[in-house]
């Protein structure tokens, strides 16, 4: 992957045939260019979520968790997810939240219905 083509910090999986943005979770055929990343709301995020956004996300996550039958991941998966979060530059160790989505990670990593918004787990 050519770094000069990447405007955002997406994880890009690139082959000869396609480029895939794991933030926006879509792929396309063709040449990767800067305008592709400009459409991603995650990469263009400039600040931490507001309190209202956090409340809305907790409500949505709780609804997904309930709809998923309150399933939790295994201890191994939970440890792997938390390890990834601890290594991320957006991890806020003071309050154990993600600066991107605002989630309280000790809970989020346990819920099977939840995913990292950056596509890291």
C-alpha atoms as a PDB file:
ATOM      1  CA  UNK A   1       0.000   0.000   0.000  1.00  0.00           C
ATOM      2  CA  UNK A   2       1.307   3.439  -0.863  1.00  0.00           C
ATOM      3  CA  UNK A   3       1.127   5.688   2.189  1.00  0.00           C
ATOM      4  CA  UNK A   4       0.860   8.830   0.084  1.00  0.00           C
ATOM      5  CA  UNK A   5      -2.549   7.646  -1.136  1.00  0.00           C
ATOM      6  CA  UNK A   6      -4.014   7.300   2.338  1.00  0.00           C
ATOM      7  CA  UNK A   7      -5.516  10.454   3.812  1.00  0.00           C
ATOM      8  CA  UNK A   8      -7.058   8.926   6.915  1.00  0.00           C
ATOM      9  CA  UNK A   9      -5.881   6.310   9.352  1.00  0.00           C
ATOM     10  CA  UNK A  10      -8.026   3.497   7.944  1.00  0.00           C
ATOM     11  CA  UNK A  11      -6.783  -0.025   8.012  1.00  0.00           C
ATOM     12  CA  UNK A  12      -6.686  -0.763   4.313  1.00  0.00           C
ATOM     13  CA  UNK A  13      -6.522  -4.236   2.875  1.00  0.00           C
ATOM     14  CA  UNK A  14      -5.295  -3.807  -0.657  1.00  0.00           C
ATOM     15  CA  UNK A  15      -4.918  -6.324  -3.453  1.00  0.00           C
ATOM     16  CA  UNK A  16      -4.582  -5.906  -7.192  1.00  0.00           C
ATOM     17  CA  UNK A  17      -8.364  -6.131  -7.608  1.00  0.00           C
ATOM     18  CA  UNK A  18      -9.821  -4.210  -4.693  1.00  0.00           C
ATOM     19  CA  UNK A  19      -9.241  -1.854  -1.813  1.00  0.00           C
ATOM     20  CA  UNK A  20     -11.187  -2.347   1.392  1.00  0.00           C
ATOM     21  CA  UNK A  21     -11.750   0.222   4.089  1.00  0.00           C
ATOM     22  CA  UNK A  22     -12.303  -1.619   7.352  1.00  0.00           C
ATOM     23  CA  UNK A  23     -13.676   1.513   9.008  1.00  0.00           C
ATOM     24  CA  UNK A  24     -16.478   2.051   6.559  1.00  0.00           C
ATOM     25  CA  UNK A  25     -16.684  -1.705   5.893  1.00  0.00           C
ATOM     26  CA  UNK A  26     -17.002  -1.533   2.151  1.00  0.00           C
ATOM     27  CA  UNK A  27     -14.733  -2.213  -0.776  1.00  0.00           C
ATOM     28  CA  UNK A  28     -14.495  -1.204  -4.379  1.00  0.00           C
ATOM     29  CA  UNK A  29     -12.517  -2.022  -7.469  1.00  0.00           C
ATOM     30  CA  UNK A  30     -10.208   0.570  -8.856  1.00  0.00           C
ATOM     31  CA  UNK A  31      -7.497   2.937  -7.812  1.00  0.00           C
ATOM     32  CA  UNK A  32      -7.399   4.010  -4.212  1.00  0.00           C
ATOM     33  CA  UNK A  33      -7.406   7.782  -3.810  1.00  0.00           C
ATOM     34  CA  UNK A  34      -7.773  10.455  -1.145  1.00  0.00           C
ATOM     35  CA  UNK A  35     -11.436  11.164  -1.909  1.00  0.00           C
ATOM     36  CA  UNK A  36     -12.309   7.622  -0.792  1.00  0.00           C
ATOM     37  CA  UNK A  37     -11.318   8.372   2.818  1.00  0.00           C
ATOM     38  CA  UNK A  38     -13.059  11.736   2.867  1.00  0.00           C
ATOM     39  CA  UNK A  39     -16.408   9.949   2.920  1.00  0.00           C
ATOM     40  CA  UNK A  40     -15.645   7.989   6.088  1.00  0.00           C
ATOM     41  CA  UNK A  41     -17.241   9.578   9.188  1.00  0.00           C
ATOM     42  CA  UNK A  42     -14.876   7.703  11.489  1.00  0.00           C
ATOM     43  CA  UNK A  43     -11.692   8.929   9.841  1.00  0.00           C
ATOM     44  CA  UNK A  44     -12.991  12.493   9.659  1.00  0.00           C
ATOM     45  CA  UNK A  45     -13.903  12.602  13.339  1.00  0.00           C
ATOM     46  CA  UNK A  46     -12.082  15.495  14.990  1.00  0.00           C
ATOM     47  CA  UNK A  47     -13.205  15.323  18.607  1.00  0.00           C
ATOM     48  CA  UNK A  48     -14.379  12.973  21.319  1.00  0.00           C
ATOM     49  CA  UNK A  49     -18.115  12.217  21.429  1.00  0.00           C
ATOM     50  CA  UNK A  50     -20.375  14.548  23.358  1.00  0.00           C
ATOM     51  CA  UNK A  51     -22.305  13.350  26.398  1.00  0.00           C
ATOM     52  CA  UNK A  52     -25.466  13.128  24.287  1.00  0.00           C
ATOM     53  CA  UNK A  53     -23.650  10.983  21.689  1.00  0.00           C
ATOM     54  CA  UNK A  54     -22.313   8.714  24.437  1.00  0.00           C
ATOM     55  CA  UNK A  55     -25.795   8.256  25.921  1.00  0.00           C
ATOM     56  CA  UNK A  56     -27.244   7.438  22.497  1.00  0.00           C
ATOM     57  CA  UNK A  57     -24.457   4.924  21.831  1.00  0.00           C
ATOM     58  CA  UNK A  58     -24.939   3.218  25.206  1.00  0.00           C
ATOM     59  CA  UNK A  59     -28.661   2.888  24.509  1.00  0.00           C
ATOM     60  CA  UNK A  60     -28.046   1.462  21.033  1.00  0.00           C
ATOM     61  CA  UNK A  61     -25.360  -0.933  22.307  1.00  0.00           C
ATOM     62  CA  UNK A  62     -27.630  -2.114  25.115  1.00  0.00           C
ATOM     63  CA  UNK A  63     -30.449  -2.750  22.637  1.00  0.00           C
ATOM     64  CA  UNK A  64     -28.078  -4.776  20.407  1.00  0.00           C
ATOM     65  CA  UNK A  65     -26.840  -6.723  23.431  1.00  0.00           C
ATOM     66  CA  UNK A  66     -30.389  -7.575  24.540  1.00  0.00           C
ATOM     67  CA  UNK A  67     -31.415  -8.480  20.968  1.00  0.00           C
ATOM     68  CA  UNK A  68     -28.372 -10.768  20.835  1.00  0.00           C
ATOM     69  CA  UNK A  69     -29.610 -12.677  23.869  1.00  0.00           C
ATOM     70  CA  UNK A  70     -27.203 -10.998  26.325  1.00  0.00           C
ATOM     71  CA  UNK A  71     -24.386 -13.137  24.900  1.00  0.00           C
ATOM     72  CA  UNK A  72     -20.889 -12.435  26.164  1.00  0.00           C
ATOM     73  CA  UNK A  73     -17.549 -13.347  24.623  1.00  0.00           C
ATOM     74  CA  UNK A  74     -15.178 -15.889  26.134  1.00  0.00           C
ATOM     75  CA  UNK A  75     -12.566 -14.815  28.672  1.00  0.00           C
ATOM     76  CA  UNK A  76      -9.893 -15.259  26.001  1.00  0.00           C
ATOM     77  CA  UNK A  77     -11.753 -13.018  23.530  1.00  0.00           C
ATOM     78  CA  UNK A  78     -12.344 -10.416  26.234  1.00  0.00           C
ATOM     79  CA  UNK A  79      -8.647 -10.358  27.120  1.00  0.00           C
ATOM     80  CA  UNK A  80      -7.655 -10.128  23.438  1.00  0.00           C
ATOM     81  CA  UNK A  81     -10.054  -7.241  22.832  1.00  0.00           C
ATOM     82  CA  UNK A  82      -8.922  -5.362  25.927  1.00  0.00           C
ATOM     83  CA  UNK A  83      -5.277  -5.905  25.000  1.00  0.00           C
ATOM     84  CA  UNK A  84      -5.935  -4.380  21.579  1.00  0.00           C
ATOM     85  CA  UNK A  85      -7.658  -1.407  23.219  1.00  0.00           C
ATOM     86  CA  UNK A  86      -4.794  -0.908  25.671  1.00  0.00           C
ATOM     87  CA  UNK A  87      -2.395  -0.725  22.715  1.00  0.00           C
ATOM     88  CA  UNK A  88      -4.496   1.797  20.817  1.00  0.00           C
ATOM     89  CA  UNK A  89      -3.549   5.488  20.867  1.00  0.00           C
ATOM     90  CA  UNK A  90      -7.243   6.356  21.350  1.00  0.00           C
ATOM     91  CA  UNK A  91      -7.501   4.424  24.624  1.00  0.00           C
ATOM     92  CA  UNK A  92      -8.048   6.725  27.610  1.00  0.00           C
ATOM     93  CA  UNK A  93      -6.482   4.874  30.526  1.00  0.00           C
ATOM     94  CA  UNK A  94      -7.769   7.405  33.080  1.00  0.00           C
ATOM     95  CA  UNK A  95     -11.411   6.403  32.634  1.00  0.00           C
ATOM     96  CA  UNK A  96     -11.003   3.251  30.483  1.00  0.00           C
ATOM     97  CA  UNK A  97     -12.909   4.695  27.536  1.00  0.00           C
ATOM     98  CA  UNK A  98     -12.307   4.957  23.821  1.00  0.00           C
ATOM     99  CA  UNK A  99     -11.696   8.499  22.597  1.00  0.00           C
ATOM    100  CA  UNK A 100     -13.247   7.600  19.253  1.00  0.00           C
ATOM    101  CA  UNK A 101     -16.578   6.107  20.280  1.00  0.00           C
ATOM    102  CA  UNK A 102     -16.676   7.107  23.956  1.00  0.00           C
ATOM    103  CA  UNK A 103     -17.545   3.605  25.154  1.00  0.00           C
ATOM    104  CA  UNK A 104     -16.592   2.270  28.575  1.00  0.00           C
ATOM    105  CA  UNK A 105     -14.379  -0.557  27.387  1.00  0.00           C
ATOM    106  CA  UNK A 106     -14.508  -3.001  30.328  1.00  0.00           C
ATOM    107  CA  UNK A 107     -18.180  -3.502  29.438  1.00  0.00           C
ATOM    108  CA  UNK A 108     -18.025  -3.163  25.655  1.00  0.00           C
ATOM    109  CA  UNK A 109     -15.319  -5.813  25.197  1.00  0.00           C
ATOM    110  CA  UNK A 110     -17.519  -8.361  27.018  1.00  0.00           C
ATOM    111  CA  UNK A 111     -20.560  -8.037  24.785  1.00  0.00           C
ATOM    112  CA  UNK A 112     -20.632 -10.359  21.772  1.00  0.00           C
ATOM    113  CA  UNK A 113     -22.798  -7.914  19.817  1.00  0.00           C
ATOM    114  CA  UNK A 114     -20.221  -5.107  19.964  1.00  0.00           C
ATOM    115  CA  UNK A 115     -17.309  -4.326  17.642  1.00  0.00           C
ATOM    116  CA  UNK A 116     -14.508  -1.785  17.628  1.00  0.00           C
ATOM    117  CA  UNK A 117     -15.604   1.147  15.420  1.00  0.00           C
ATOM    118  CA  UNK A 118     -12.080   1.268  14.019  1.00  0.00           C
ATOM    119  CA  UNK A 119     -12.251  -2.364  12.903  1.00  0.00           C
ATOM    120  CA  UNK A 120      -9.482  -3.484  15.264  1.00  0.00           C
ATOM    121  CA  UNK A 121     -11.572  -6.309  16.787  1.00  0.00           C
END
